[in-house]
C-alpha cells in the first residue's frame, strides 16, 4: 500500500462508498486543485482534444486529524491518481479510474462525489 497523506475536505457519504467498494470517486473542477497542471487536454482514450475542465480522483479513506476532516487520495509513485477530462467524458473517467485501481468494472452502486466550493491540496 502507498503512503497516505491527509487532504482537507468535509466528511460525507464518501466513507460509505469506501466501505462498500474499497474506493470512492471524487470529481471536481480542475481549478479547485492548485497543484494540478493547467492547460491539459481531455485524457479520454478515444482522442478528445477539448480542454480538461474536470478532475477525477480516487479516495481510499477519510479521517479527522485534530478536528480537521480530510481525505486520503489513492496514489501511485507518490502522486494522486487523477484523470482529467472535459465535461462530456466525466462518466467514462470515473469508470476508467476504478478499473485502473481494481481491475474490475465500476459497480453500479458507486457514486461520483463533488465538494462544491472546496479546494484540494496535498503534500
PDB file of N, CA and C in Angstrom:
ATOM      1  N   UNK A   1       0.838  -1.171   0.000  1.00  0.00           N
ATOM      2  CA  UNK A   1       0.000   0.000   0.000  1.00  0.00           C
ATOM      3  C   UNK A   1       0.888   1.241   0.000  1.00  0.00           C
ATOM      4  N   UNK A   2       0.474   2.273  -0.724  1.00  0.00           N
ATOM      5  CA  UNK A   2       1.246   3.503  -0.797  1.00  0.00           C
ATOM      6  C   UNK A   2       1.041   4.332   0.460  1.00  0.00           C
ATOM      7  N   UNK A   3       1.951   5.256   0.733  1.00  0.00           N
ATOM      8  CA  UNK A   3       1.818   6.149   1.878  1.00  0.00           C
ATOM      9  C   UNK A   3       0.596   7.028   1.689  1.00  0.00           C
ATOM     10  N   UNK A   4      -0.095   7.319   2.800  1.00  0.00           N
ATOM     11  CA  UNK A   4      -1.311   8.113   2.720  1.00  0.00           C
ATOM     12  C   UNK A   4      -1.055   9.507   3.270  1.00  0.00           C
ATOM     13  N   UNK A   5      -1.643  10.499   2.628  1.00  0.00           N
ATOM     14  CA  UNK A   5      -1.497  11.880   3.043  1.00  0.00           C
ATOM     15  C   UNK A   5      -2.874  12.453   3.296  1.00  0.00           C
ATOM     16  N   UNK A   6      -3.083  13.098   4.442  1.00  0.00           N
ATOM     17  CA  UNK A   6      -4.360  13.706   4.774  1.00  0.00           C
ATOM     18  C   UNK A   6      -4.572  14.939   3.909  1.00  0.00           C
ATOM     19  N   UNK A   7      -5.726  15.000   3.249  1.00  0.00           N
ATOM     20  CA  UNK A   7      -6.105  16.133   2.422  1.00  0.00           C
ATOM     21  C   UNK A   7      -7.383  16.725   2.988  1.00  0.00           C
ATOM     22  N   UNK A   8      -7.406  18.006   3.368  1.00  0.00           N
ATOM     23  CA  UNK A   8      -8.605  18.578   3.979  1.00  0.00           C
ATOM     24  C   UNK A   8      -9.825  18.471   3.078  1.00  0.00           C
ATOM     25  N   UNK A   9     -10.961  18.184   3.685  1.00  0.00           N
ATOM     26  CA  UNK A   9     -12.231  18.084   2.982  1.00  0.00           C
ATOM     27  C   UNK A   9     -13.303  17.651   3.952  1.00  0.00           C
ATOM     28  N   UNK A  10     -14.565  17.936   3.672  1.00  0.00           N
ATOM     29  CA  UNK A  10     -15.629  17.616   4.620  1.00  0.00           C
ATOM     30  C   UNK A  10     -15.953  16.120   4.647  1.00  0.00           C
ATOM     31  N   UNK A  11     -16.329  15.582   5.829  1.00  0.00           N
ATOM     32  CA  UNK A  11     -16.765  14.184   5.879  1.00  0.00           C
ATOM     33  C   UNK A  11     -18.127  14.042   5.200  1.00  0.00           C
ATOM     34  N   UNK A  12     -18.283  13.038   4.370  1.00  0.00           N
ATOM     35  CA  UNK A  12     -19.521  12.859   3.619  1.00  0.00           C
ATOM     36  C   UNK A  12     -19.814  11.379   3.492  1.00  0.00           C
ATOM     37  N   UNK A  13     -20.728  11.063   2.608  1.00  0.00           N
ATOM     38  CA  UNK A  13     -21.060   9.666   2.328  1.00  0.00           C
ATOM     39  C   UNK A  13     -19.930   8.968   1.589  1.00  0.00           C
ATOM     40  N   UNK A  14     -18.828   9.658   1.353  1.00  0.00           N
ATOM     41  CA  UNK A  14     -17.659   9.019   0.746  1.00  0.00           C
ATOM     42  C   UNK A  14     -17.258   7.769   1.527  1.00  0.00           C
ATOM     43  N   UNK A  15     -17.347   7.850   2.852  1.00  0.00           N
ATOM     44  CA  UNK A  15     -16.950   6.722   3.694  1.00  0.00           C
ATOM     45  C   UNK A  15     -17.794   5.486   3.396  1.00  0.00           C
ATOM     46  N   UNK A  16     -19.055   5.670   3.075  1.00  0.00           N
ATOM     47  CA  UNK A  16     -19.921   4.532   2.736  1.00  0.00           C
ATOM     48  C   UNK A  16     -19.437   3.838   1.473  1.00  0.00           C
ATOM     49  N   UNK A  17     -19.085   4.614   0.450  1.00  0.00           N
ATOM     50  CA  UNK A  17     -18.595   4.010  -0.782  1.00  0.00           C
ATOM     51  C   UNK A  17     -17.255   3.327  -0.575  1.00  0.00           C
ATOM     52  N   UNK A  18     -16.397   3.907   0.249  1.00  0.00           N
ATOM     53  CA  UNK A  18     -15.103   3.278   0.533  1.00  0.00           C
ATOM     54  C   UNK A  18     -15.327   1.944   1.226  1.00  0.00           C
ATOM     55  N   UNK A  19     -16.239   1.922   2.188  1.00  0.00           N
ATOM     56  CA  UNK A  19     -16.543   0.678   2.894  1.00  0.00           C
ATOM     57  C   UNK A  19     -17.121  -0.372   1.939  1.00  0.00           C
ATOM     58  N   UNK A  20     -18.033   0.053   1.070  1.00  0.00           N
ATOM     59  CA  UNK A  20     -18.736  -0.878   0.187  1.00  0.00           C
ATOM     60  C   UNK A  20     -17.959  -1.262  -1.065  1.00  0.00           C
ATOM     61  N   UNK A  21     -17.084  -0.359  -1.560  1.00  0.00           N
ATOM     62  CA  UNK A  21     -16.434  -0.578  -2.859  1.00  0.00           C
ATOM     63  C   UNK A  21     -14.915  -0.457  -2.839  1.00  0.00           C
ATOM     64  N   UNK A  22     -14.334  -0.195  -1.674  1.00  0.00           N
ATOM     65  CA  UNK A  22     -12.898  -0.033  -1.472  1.00  0.00           C
ATOM     66  C   UNK A  22     -12.388   1.368  -1.811  1.00  0.00           C
ATOM     67  N   UNK A  23     -13.060   2.050  -2.717  1.00  0.00           N
ATOM     68  CA  UNK A  23     -12.707   3.418  -3.096  1.00  0.00           C
ATOM     69  C   UNK A  23     -13.982   4.227  -3.270  1.00  0.00           C
ATOM     70  N   UNK A  24     -13.841   5.537  -3.147  1.00  0.00           N
ATOM     71  CA  UNK A  24     -14.887   6.469  -3.552  1.00  0.00           C
ATOM     72  C   UNK A  24     -14.317   7.287  -4.701  1.00  0.00           C
ATOM     73  N   UNK A  25     -15.179   7.754  -5.556  1.00  0.00           N
ATOM     74  CA  UNK A  25     -14.762   8.545  -6.712  1.00  0.00           C
ATOM     75  C   UNK A  25     -15.157   9.997  -6.467  1.00  0.00           C
ATOM     76  N   UNK A  26     -14.202  10.892  -6.650  1.00  0.00           N
ATOM     77  CA  UNK A  26     -14.426  12.321  -6.477  1.00  0.00           C
ATOM     78  C   UNK A  26     -14.160  13.013  -7.805  1.00  0.00           C
ATOM     79  N   UNK A  27     -15.121  13.822  -8.241  1.00  0.00           N
ATOM     80  CA  UNK A  27     -14.912  14.629  -9.437  1.00  0.00           C
ATOM     81  C   UNK A  27     -15.103  16.086  -9.055  1.00  0.00           C
ATOM     82  N   UNK A  28     -14.144  16.912  -9.436  1.00  0.00           N
ATOM     83  CA  UNK A  28     -14.212  18.331  -9.119  1.00  0.00           C
ATOM     84  C   UNK A  28     -13.582  19.126 -10.261  1.00  0.00           C
ATOM     85  N   UNK A  29     -13.847  20.403 -10.280  1.00  0.00           N
ATOM     86  CA  UNK A  29     -13.309  21.249 -11.344  1.00  0.00           C
ATOM     87  C   UNK A  29     -11.793  21.377 -11.190  1.00  0.00           C
ATOM     88  N   UNK A  30     -11.075  21.403 -12.297  1.00  0.00           N
ATOM     89  CA  UNK A  30      -9.605  21.425 -12.242  1.00  0.00           C
ATOM     90  C   UNK A  30      -9.074  22.655 -11.513  1.00  0.00           C
ATOM     91  N   UNK A  31      -9.771  23.776 -11.571  1.00  0.00           N
ATOM     92  CA  UNK A  31      -9.254  24.980 -10.906  1.00  0.00           C
ATOM     93  C   UNK A  31      -9.330  24.877  -9.381  1.00  0.00           C
ATOM     94  N   UNK A  32      -9.991  23.876  -8.850  1.00  0.00           N
ATOM     95  CA  UNK A  32     -10.046  23.667  -7.405  1.00  0.00           C
ATOM     96  C   UNK A  32      -8.845  22.877  -6.883  1.00  0.00           C
ATOM     97  N   UNK A  33      -7.934  22.507  -7.767  1.00  0.00           N
ATOM     98  CA  UNK A  33      -6.748  21.744  -7.361  1.00  0.00           C
ATOM     99  C   UNK A  33      -5.513  22.546  -7.747  1.00  0.00           C
ATOM    100  N   UNK A  34      -4.998  23.336  -6.814  1.00  0.00           N
ATOM    101  CA  UNK A  34      -3.875  24.231  -7.133  1.00  0.00           C
ATOM    102  C   UNK A  34      -2.646  23.530  -7.704  1.00  0.00           C
ATOM    103  N   UNK A  35      -2.363  22.296  -7.301  1.00  0.00           N
ATOM    104  CA  UNK A  35      -1.147  21.624  -7.770  1.00  0.00           C
ATOM    105  C   UNK A  35      -1.318  20.924  -9.109  1.00  0.00           C
ATOM    106  N   UNK A  36      -2.514  20.975  -9.680  1.00  0.00           N
ATOM    107  CA  UNK A  36      -2.751  20.319 -10.958  1.00  0.00           C
ATOM    108  C   UNK A  36      -2.230  21.203 -12.093  1.00  0.00           C
ATOM    109  N   UNK A  37      -1.571  20.605 -13.058  1.00  0.00           N
ATOM    110  CA  UNK A  37      -1.021  21.335 -14.194  1.00  0.00           C
ATOM    111  C   UNK A  37      -2.165  21.913 -15.027  1.00  0.00           C
ATOM    112  N   UNK A  38      -2.080  23.172 -15.314  1.00  0.00           N
ATOM    113  CA  UNK A  38      -3.120  23.849 -16.103  1.00  0.00           C
ATOM    114  C   UNK A  38      -2.895  23.624 -17.595  1.00  0.00           C
ATOM    115  N   UNK A  39      -3.979  23.737 -18.363  1.00  0.00           N
ATOM    116  CA  UNK A  39      -3.880  23.674 -19.805  1.00  0.00           C
ATOM    117  C   UNK A  39      -3.867  22.268 -20.383  1.00  0.00           C
ATOM    118  N   UNK A  40      -4.178  21.248 -19.558  1.00  0.00           N
ATOM    119  CA  UNK A  40      -4.208  19.878 -20.075  1.00  0.00           C
ATOM    120  C   UNK A  40      -5.434  19.667 -20.953  1.00  0.00           C
ATOM    121  N   UNK A  41      -5.310  18.742 -21.876  1.00  0.00           N
ATOM    122  CA  UNK A  41      -6.473  18.364 -22.683  1.00  0.00           C
ATOM    123  C   UNK A  41      -7.118  17.128 -22.074  1.00  0.00           C
ATOM    124  N   UNK A  42      -8.334  16.864 -22.492  1.00  0.00           N
ATOM    125  CA  UNK A  42      -9.097  15.713 -22.021  1.00  0.00           C
ATOM    126  C   UNK A  42      -8.279  14.434 -22.233  1.00  0.00           C
ATOM    127  N   UNK A  43      -8.263  13.569 -21.217  1.00  0.00           N
ATOM    128  CA  UNK A  43      -7.489  12.332 -21.290  1.00  0.00           C
ATOM    129  C   UNK A  43      -8.337  11.133 -21.719  1.00  0.00           C
ATOM    130  N   UNK A  44      -9.496  11.367 -22.318  1.00  0.00           N
ATOM    131  CA  UNK A  44     -10.312  10.264 -22.813  1.00  0.00           C
ATOM    132  C   UNK A  44      -9.501   9.495 -23.856  1.00  0.00           C
ATOM    133  N   UNK A  45      -9.378   8.164 -23.700  1.00  0.00           N
ATOM    134  CA  UNK A  45      -8.526   7.372 -24.604  1.00  0.00           C
ATOM    135  C   UNK A  45      -8.929   7.436 -26.076  1.00  0.00           C
ATOM    136  N   UNK A  46     -10.159   7.829 -26.376  1.00  0.00           N
ATOM    137  CA  UNK A  46     -10.595   7.883 -27.772  1.00  0.00           C
ATOM    138  C   UNK A  46     -10.054   9.100 -28.516  1.00  0.00           C
ATOM    139  N   UNK A  47      -9.291   9.956 -27.825  1.00  0.00           N
ATOM    140  CA  UNK A  47      -8.614  11.044 -28.516  1.00  0.00           C
ATOM    141  C   UNK A  47      -9.320  12.381 -28.504  1.00  0.00           C
ATOM    142  N   UNK A  48     -10.071  12.705 -27.470  1.00  0.00           N
ATOM    143  CA  UNK A  48     -10.734  14.007 -27.365  1.00  0.00           C
ATOM    144  C   UNK A  48      -9.662  15.095 -27.228  1.00  0.00           C
ATOM    145  N   UNK A  49      -9.866  16.222 -27.887  1.00  0.00           N
ATOM    146  CA  UNK A  49      -8.884  17.310 -27.828  1.00  0.00           C
ATOM    147  C   UNK A  49      -9.423  18.545 -27.112  1.00  0.00           C
ATOM    148  N   UNK A  50     -10.576  18.437 -26.460  1.00  0.00           N
ATOM    149  CA  UNK A  50     -11.142  19.567 -25.721  1.00  0.00           C
ATOM    150  C   UNK A  50     -10.311  19.828 -24.465  1.00  0.00           C
ATOM    151  N   UNK A  51     -10.348  21.062 -23.949  1.00  0.00           N
ATOM    152  CA  UNK A  51      -9.637  21.358 -22.704  1.00  0.00           C
ATOM    153  C   UNK A  51     -10.239  20.581 -21.532  1.00  0.00           C
ATOM    154  N   UNK A  52      -9.392  20.139 -20.621  1.00  0.00           N
ATOM    155  CA  UNK A  52      -9.866  19.425 -19.439  1.00  0.00           C
ATOM    156  C   UNK A  52     -10.464  20.430 -18.452  1.00  0.00           C
ATOM    157  N   UNK A  53     -11.675  20.151 -17.993  1.00  0.00           N
ATOM    158  CA  UNK A  53     -12.336  21.023 -17.024  1.00  0.00           C
ATOM    159  C   UNK A  53     -12.617  20.309 -15.709  1.00  0.00           C
ATOM    160  N   UNK A  54     -12.554  18.969 -15.704  1.00  0.00           N
ATOM    161  CA  UNK A  54     -12.859  18.184 -14.511  1.00  0.00           C
ATOM    162  C   UNK A  54     -11.720  17.236 -14.168  1.00  0.00           C
ATOM    163  N   UNK A  55     -11.506  17.052 -12.883  1.00  0.00           N
ATOM    164  CA  UNK A  55     -10.517  16.090 -12.402  1.00  0.00           C
ATOM    165  C   UNK A  55     -11.254  14.983 -11.658  1.00  0.00           C
ATOM    166  N   UNK A  56     -10.901  13.735 -11.946  1.00  0.00           N
ATOM    167  CA  UNK A  56     -11.481  12.571 -11.281  1.00  0.00           C
ATOM    168  C   UNK A  56     -10.392  11.928 -10.446  1.00  0.00           C
ATOM    169  N   UNK A  57     -10.657  11.785  -9.149  1.00  0.00           N
ATOM    170  CA  UNK A  57      -9.685  11.229  -8.205  1.00  0.00           C
ATOM    171  C   UNK A  57     -10.322  10.086  -7.435  1.00  0.00           C
ATOM    172  N   UNK A  58      -9.496   9.178  -6.948  1.00  0.00           N
ATOM    173  CA  UNK A  58      -9.971   8.067  -6.120  1.00  0.00           C
ATOM    174  C   UNK A  58      -9.632   8.365  -4.665  1.00  0.00           C
ATOM    175  N   UNK A  59     -10.615   8.190  -3.792  1.00  0.00           N
ATOM    176  CA  UNK A  59     -10.448   8.395  -2.359  1.00  0.00           C
ATOM    177  C   UNK A  59     -10.413   7.023  -1.703  1.00  0.00           C
ATOM    178  N   UNK A  60      -9.372   6.758  -0.904  1.00  0.00           N
ATOM    179  CA  UNK A  60      -9.285   5.442  -0.270  1.00  0.00           C
ATOM    180  C   UNK A  60      -9.532   5.493   1.233  1.00  0.00           C
ATOM    181  N   UNK A  61      -9.773   6.680   1.776  1.00  0.00           N
ATOM    182  CA  UNK A  61     -10.074   6.784   3.195  1.00  0.00           C
ATOM    183  C   UNK A  61     -10.459   8.190   3.588  1.00  0.00           C
ATOM    184  N   UNK A  62     -11.160   8.294   4.703  1.00  0.00           N
ATOM    185  CA  UNK A  62     -11.483   9.595   5.279  1.00  0.00           C
ATOM    186  C   UNK A  62     -10.965   9.595   6.716  1.00  0.00           C
ATOM    187  N   UNK A  63     -10.693  10.775   7.244  1.00  0.00           N
ATOM    188  CA  UNK A  63     -10.161  10.868   8.596  1.00  0.00           C
ATOM    189  C   UNK A  63     -10.429  12.250   9.158  1.00  0.00           C
ATOM    190  N   UNK A  64     -10.317  12.340  10.461  1.00  0.00           N
ATOM    191  CA  UNK A  64     -10.351  13.629  11.131  1.00  0.00           C
ATOM    192  C   UNK A  64      -9.085  13.717  11.959  1.00  0.00           C
ATOM    193  N   UNK A  65      -8.260  14.703  11.655  1.00  0.00           N
ATOM    194  CA  UNK A  65      -6.984  14.900  12.340  1.00  0.00           C
ATOM    195  C   UNK A  65      -7.033  16.249  13.049  1.00  0.00           C
ATOM    196  N   UNK A  66      -7.022  16.240  14.391  1.00  0.00           N
ATOM    197  CA  UNK A  66      -7.126  17.478  15.170  1.00  0.00           C
ATOM    198  C   UNK A  66      -8.341  18.295  14.735  1.00  0.00           C
ATOM    199  N   UNK A  67      -9.486  17.633  14.657  1.00  0.00           N
ATOM    200  CA  UNK A  67     -10.756  18.261  14.250  1.00  0.00           C
ATOM    201  C   UNK A  67     -10.722  18.797  12.821  1.00  0.00           C
ATOM    202  N   UNK A  68      -9.796  18.332  12.012  1.00  0.00           N
ATOM    203  CA  UNK A  68      -9.690  18.747  10.618  1.00  0.00           C
ATOM    204  C   UNK A  68     -10.080  17.559   9.745  1.00  0.00           C
ATOM    205  N   UNK A  69     -11.306  17.565   9.183  1.00  0.00           N
ATOM    206  CA  UNK A  69     -11.692  16.427   8.346  1.00  0.00           C
ATOM    207  C   UNK A  69     -10.849  16.377   7.084  1.00  0.00           C
ATOM    208  N   UNK A  70     -10.608  15.182   6.577  1.00  0.00           N
ATOM    209  CA  UNK A  70      -9.780  15.079   5.388  1.00  0.00           C
ATOM    210  C   UNK A  70     -10.020  13.815   4.604  1.00  0.00           C
ATOM    211  N   UNK A  71      -9.347  13.732   3.483  1.00  0.00           N
ATOM    212  CA  UNK A  71      -9.475  12.621   2.555  1.00  0.00           C
ATOM    213  C   UNK A  71      -8.097  12.036   2.285  1.00  0.00           C
ATOM    214  N   UNK A  72      -8.042  10.720   2.164  1.00  0.00           N
ATOM    215  CA  UNK A  72      -6.817  10.059   1.736  1.00  0.00           C
ATOM    216  C   UNK A  72      -6.980   9.715   0.258  1.00  0.00           C
ATOM    217  N   UNK A  73      -6.172  10.337  -0.575  1.00  0.00           N
ATOM    218  CA  UNK A  73      -6.231  10.099  -2.013  1.00  0.00           C
ATOM    219  C   UNK A  73      -5.429   8.856  -2.361  1.00  0.00           C
ATOM    220  N   UNK A  74      -5.967   8.030  -3.263  1.00  0.00           N
ATOM    221  CA  UNK A  74      -5.208   6.888  -3.775  1.00  0.00           C
ATOM    222  C   UNK A  74      -4.050   7.439  -4.595  1.00  0.00           C
ATOM    223  N   UNK A  75      -2.850   6.887  -4.376  1.00  0.00           N
ATOM    224  CA  UNK A  75      -1.658   7.402  -5.043  1.00  0.00           C
ATOM    225  C   UNK A  75      -0.886   6.297  -5.743  1.00  0.00           C
ATOM    226  N   UNK A  76      -0.099   6.718  -6.713  1.00  0.00           N
ATOM    227  CA  UNK A  76       0.834   5.842  -7.400  1.00  0.00           C
ATOM    228  C   UNK A  76       2.118   6.640  -7.558  1.00  0.00           C
ATOM    229  N   UNK A  77       3.248   6.050  -7.159  1.00  0.00           N
ATOM    230  CA  UNK A  77       4.541   6.733  -7.207  1.00  0.00           C
ATOM    231  C   UNK A  77       4.503   8.059  -6.455  1.00  0.00           C
ATOM    232  N   UNK A  78       3.728   8.116  -5.369  1.00  0.00           N
ATOM    233  CA  UNK A  78       3.662   9.309  -4.538  1.00  0.00           C
ATOM    234  C   UNK A  78       2.738  10.401  -5.025  1.00  0.00           C
ATOM    235  N   UNK A  79       2.133  10.228  -6.179  1.00  0.00           N
ATOM    236  CA  UNK A  79       1.232  11.245  -6.728  1.00  0.00           C
ATOM    237  C   UNK A  79      -0.204  10.721  -6.752  1.00  0.00           C
ATOM    238  N   UNK A  80      -1.177  11.595  -6.451  1.00  0.00           N
ATOM    239  CA  UNK A  80      -2.568  11.161  -6.502  1.00  0.00           C
ATOM    240  C   UNK A  80      -2.944  10.689  -7.911  1.00  0.00           C
ATOM    241  N   UNK A  81      -3.691   9.590  -7.969  1.00  0.00           N
ATOM    242  CA  UNK A  81      -4.200   9.109  -9.251  1.00  0.00           C
ATOM    243  C   UNK A  81      -5.302  10.052  -9.697  1.00  0.00           C
ATOM    244  N   UNK A  82      -5.176  10.588 -10.883  1.00  0.00           N
ATOM    245  CA  UNK A  82      -6.100  11.613 -11.350  1.00  0.00           C
ATOM    246  C   UNK A  82      -6.266  11.494 -12.861  1.00  0.00           C
ATOM    247  N   UNK A  83      -7.502  11.558 -13.309  1.00  0.00           N
ATOM    248  CA  UNK A  83      -7.803  11.612 -14.744  1.00  0.00           C
ATOM    249  C   UNK A  83      -8.516  12.930 -14.985  1.00  0.00           C
ATOM    250  N   UNK A  84      -8.011  13.731 -15.902  1.00  0.00           N
ATOM    251  CA  UNK A  84      -8.668  14.997 -16.235  1.00  0.00           C
ATOM    252  C   UNK A  84      -9.400  14.843 -17.554  1.00  0.00           C
ATOM    253  N   UNK A  85     -10.619  15.388 -17.596  1.00  0.00           N
ATOM    254  CA  UNK A  85     -11.457  15.253 -18.785  1.00  0.00           C
ATOM    255  C   UNK A  85     -12.271  16.515 -19.020  1.00  0.00           C
ATOM    256  N   UNK A  86     -12.870  16.574 -20.191  1.00  0.00           N
ATOM    257  CA  UNK A  86     -13.881  17.586 -20.460  1.00  0.00           C
ATOM    258  C   UNK A  86     -15.185  17.104 -19.798  1.00  0.00           C
ATOM    259  N   UNK A  87     -16.177  17.964 -19.711  1.00  0.00           N
ATOM    260  CA  UNK A  87     -17.444  17.605 -19.064  1.00  0.00           C
ATOM    261  C   UNK A  87     -18.129  16.434 -19.769  1.00  0.00           C
ATOM    262  N   UNK A  88     -17.974  16.343 -21.065  1.00  0.00           N
ATOM    263  CA  UNK A  88     -18.627  15.284 -21.848  1.00  0.00           C
ATOM    264  C   UNK A  88     -18.138  13.887 -21.443  1.00  0.00           C
ATOM    265  N   UNK A  89     -16.888  13.761 -21.024  1.00  0.00           N
ATOM    266  CA  UNK A  89     -16.309  12.448 -20.722  1.00  0.00           C
ATOM    267  C   UNK A  89     -16.161  12.166 -19.228  1.00  0.00           C
ATOM    268  N   UNK A  90     -16.880  12.892 -18.380  1.00  0.00           N
ATOM    269  CA  UNK A  90     -16.752  12.713 -16.932  1.00  0.00           C
ATOM    270  C   UNK A  90     -17.163  11.320 -16.480  1.00  0.00           C
ATOM    271  N   UNK A  91     -18.189  10.753 -17.084  1.00  0.00           N
ATOM    272  CA  UNK A  91     -18.647   9.417 -16.679  1.00  0.00           C
ATOM    273  C   UNK A  91     -17.603   8.364 -17.028  1.00  0.00           C
ATOM    274  N   UNK A  92     -17.039   8.449 -18.216  1.00  0.00           N
ATOM    275  CA  UNK A  92     -16.013   7.489 -18.622  1.00  0.00           C
ATOM    276  C   UNK A  92     -14.795   7.556 -17.697  1.00  0.00           C
ATOM    277  N   UNK A  93     -14.441   8.757 -17.234  1.00  0.00           N
ATOM    278  CA  UNK A  93     -13.276   8.913 -16.365  1.00  0.00           C
ATOM    279  C   UNK A  93     -13.459   8.159 -15.051  1.00  0.00           C
ATOM    280  N   UNK A  94     -14.649   8.222 -14.470  1.00  0.00           N
ATOM    281  CA  UNK A  94     -14.859   7.526 -13.202  1.00  0.00           C
ATOM    282  C   UNK A  94     -14.806   6.020 -13.398  1.00  0.00           C
ATOM    283  N   UNK A  95     -15.302   5.536 -14.526  1.00  0.00           N
ATOM    284  CA  UNK A  95     -15.229   4.103 -14.827  1.00  0.00           C
ATOM    285  C   UNK A  95     -13.773   3.682 -15.084  1.00  0.00           C
ATOM    286  N   UNK A  96     -13.046   4.475 -15.862  1.00  0.00           N
ATOM    287  CA  UNK A  96     -11.648   4.154 -16.186  1.00  0.00           C
ATOM    288  C   UNK A  96     -10.776   4.143 -14.929  1.00  0.00           C
ATOM    289  N   UNK A  97     -10.957   5.126 -14.054  1.00  0.00           N
ATOM    290  CA  UNK A  97     -10.144   5.193 -12.844  1.00  0.00           C
ATOM    291  C   UNK A  97     -10.412   3.997 -11.937  1.00  0.00           C
ATOM    292  N   UNK A  98     -11.672   3.648 -11.755  1.00  0.00           N
ATOM    293  CA  UNK A  98     -11.997   2.500 -10.897  1.00  0.00           C
ATOM    294  C   UNK A  98     -11.411   1.212 -11.484  1.00  0.00           C
ATOM    295  N   UNK A  99     -11.492   1.051 -12.804  1.00  0.00           N
ATOM    296  CA  UNK A  99     -10.938  -0.143 -13.446  1.00  0.00           C
ATOM    297  C   UNK A  99      -9.415  -0.178 -13.316  1.00  0.00           C
ATOM    298  N   UNK A 100      -8.755   0.990 -13.441  1.00  0.00           N
ATOM    299  CA  UNK A 100      -7.301   1.047 -13.271  1.00  0.00           C
ATOM    300  C   UNK A 100      -6.885   0.650 -11.855  1.00  0.00           C
ATOM    301  N   UNK A 101      -7.682   1.033 -10.871  1.00  0.00           N
ATOM    302  CA  UNK A 101      -7.359   0.747  -9.477  1.00  0.00           C
ATOM    303  C   UNK A 101      -7.616  -0.701  -9.084  1.00  0.00           C
ATOM    304  N   UNK A 102      -8.700  -1.263  -9.579  1.00  0.00           N
ATOM    305  CA  UNK A 102      -9.146  -2.565  -9.078  1.00  0.00           C
ATOM    306  C   UNK A 102      -9.078  -3.692 -10.099  1.00  0.00           C
ATOM    307  N   UNK A 103      -8.969  -3.355 -11.378  1.00  0.00           N
ATOM    308  CA  UNK A 103      -9.005  -4.378 -12.416  1.00  0.00           C
ATOM    309  C   UNK A 103     -10.418  -4.866 -12.707  1.00  0.00           C
ATOM    310  N   UNK A 104     -11.415  -4.212 -12.101  1.00  0.00           N
ATOM    311  CA  UNK A 104     -12.817  -4.598 -12.298  1.00  0.00           C
ATOM    312  C   UNK A 104     -13.602  -3.421 -12.852  1.00  0.00           C
ATOM    313  N   UNK A 105     -14.758  -3.731 -13.408  1.00  0.00           N
ATOM    314  CA  UNK A 105     -15.660  -2.678 -13.863  1.00  0.00           C
ATOM    315  C   UNK A 105     -16.237  -1.957 -12.650  1.00  0.00           C
ATOM    316  N   UNK A 106     -16.532  -0.689 -12.808  1.00  0.00           N
ATOM    317  CA  UNK A 106     -17.102   0.108 -11.717  1.00  0.00           C
ATOM    318  C   UNK A 106     -18.498  -0.411 -11.376  1.00  0.00           C
ATOM    319  N   UNK A 107     -18.765  -0.708 -10.082  1.00  0.00           N
ATOM    320  CA  UNK A 107     -20.091  -1.198  -9.698  1.00  0.00           C
ATOM    321  C   UNK A 107     -21.162  -0.116  -9.859  1.00  0.00           C
ATOM    322  N   UNK A 108     -22.387  -0.542 -10.104  1.00  0.00           N
ATOM    323  CA  UNK A 108     -23.489   0.403 -10.292  1.00  0.00           C
ATOM    324  C   UNK A 108     -23.741   1.261  -9.057  1.00  0.00           C
ATOM    325  N   UNK A 109     -23.500   0.727  -7.864  1.00  0.00           N
ATOM    326  CA  UNK A 109     -23.818   1.455  -6.640  1.00  0.00           C
ATOM    327  C   UNK A 109     -22.864   2.575  -6.281  1.00  0.00           C
ATOM    328  N   UNK A 110     -21.697   2.639  -6.901  1.00  0.00           N
ATOM    329  CA  UNK A 110     -20.714   3.665  -6.529  1.00  0.00           C
ATOM    330  C   UNK A 110     -21.085   4.987  -7.202  1.00  0.00           C
ATOM    331  N   UNK A 111     -20.946   6.063  -6.444  1.00  0.00           N
ATOM    332  CA  UNK A 111     -21.315   7.394  -6.926  1.00  0.00           C
ATOM    333  C   UNK A 111     -20.062   8.181  -7.278  1.00  0.00           C
ATOM    334  N   UNK A 112     -20.255   9.301  -7.945  1.00  0.00           N
ATOM    335  CA  UNK A 112     -19.155  10.246  -8.167  1.00  0.00           C
ATOM    336  C   UNK A 112     -19.501  11.497  -7.368  1.00  0.00           C
ATOM    337  N   UNK A 113     -18.679  11.826  -6.388  1.00  0.00           N
ATOM    338  CA  UNK A 113     -18.932  12.949  -5.500  1.00  0.00           C
ATOM    339  C   UNK A 113     -18.241  14.201  -5.994  1.00  0.00           C
ATOM    340  N   UNK A 114     -18.748  15.343  -5.551  1.00  0.00           N
ATOM    341  CA  UNK A 114     -18.096  16.627  -5.753  1.00  0.00           C
ATOM    342  C   UNK A 114     -18.049  17.309  -4.393  1.00  0.00           C
ATOM    343  N   UNK A 115     -17.139  18.213  -4.210  1.00  0.00           N
ATOM    344  CA  UNK A 115     -17.044  19.011  -2.991  1.00  0.00           C
ATOM    345  C   UNK A 115     -17.185  20.473  -3.388  1.00  0.00           C
ATOM    346  N   UNK A 116     -18.426  20.934  -3.613  1.00  0.00           N
ATOM    347  CA  UNK A 116     -18.628  22.306  -4.104  1.00  0.00           C
ATOM    348  C   UNK A 116     -17.953  23.340  -3.213  1.00  0.00           C
ATOM    349  N   UNK A 117     -17.226  24.221  -3.840  1.00  0.00           N
ATOM    350  CA  UNK A 117     -16.566  25.302  -3.125  1.00  0.00           C
ATOM    351  C   UNK A 117     -15.310  24.904  -2.371  1.00  0.00           C
ATOM    352  N   UNK A 118     -14.974  23.630  -2.345  1.00  0.00           N
ATOM    353  CA  UNK A 118     -13.785  23.165  -1.633  1.00  0.00           C
ATOM    354  C   UNK A 118     -12.599  23.099  -2.594  1.00  0.00           C
ATOM    355  N   UNK A 119     -11.456  23.481  -2.101  1.00  0.00           N
ATOM    356  CA  UNK A 119     -10.228  23.363  -2.878  1.00  0.00           C
ATOM    357  C   UNK A 119      -9.400  22.245  -2.280  1.00  0.00           C
ATOM    358  N   UNK A 120      -8.784  21.413  -3.117  1.00  0.00           N
ATOM    359  CA  UNK A 120      -7.987  20.281  -2.672  1.00  0.00           C
ATOM    360  C   UNK A 120      -6.511  20.623  -2.741  1.00  0.00           C
ATOM    361  N   UNK A 121      -5.794  20.151  -1.771  1.00  0.00           N
ATOM    362  CA  UNK A 121      -4.348  20.327  -1.758  1.00  0.00           C
ATOM    363  C   UNK A 121      -3.751  19.080  -1.139  1.00  0.00           C
ATOM    364  N   UNK A 122      -2.559  18.731  -1.522  1.00  0.00           N
ATOM    365  CA  UNK A 122      -1.905  17.557  -0.956  1.00  0.00           C
ATOM    366  C   UNK A 122      -0.420  17.824  -0.816  1.00  0.00           C
ATOM    367  N   UNK A 123       0.190  17.027   0.060  1.00  0.00           N
ATOM    368  CA  UNK A 123       1.640  17.184   0.247  1.00  0.00           C
ATOM    369  C   UNK A 123       2.332  15.886  -0.064  1.00  0.00           C
TER     370      UNK A 123
END
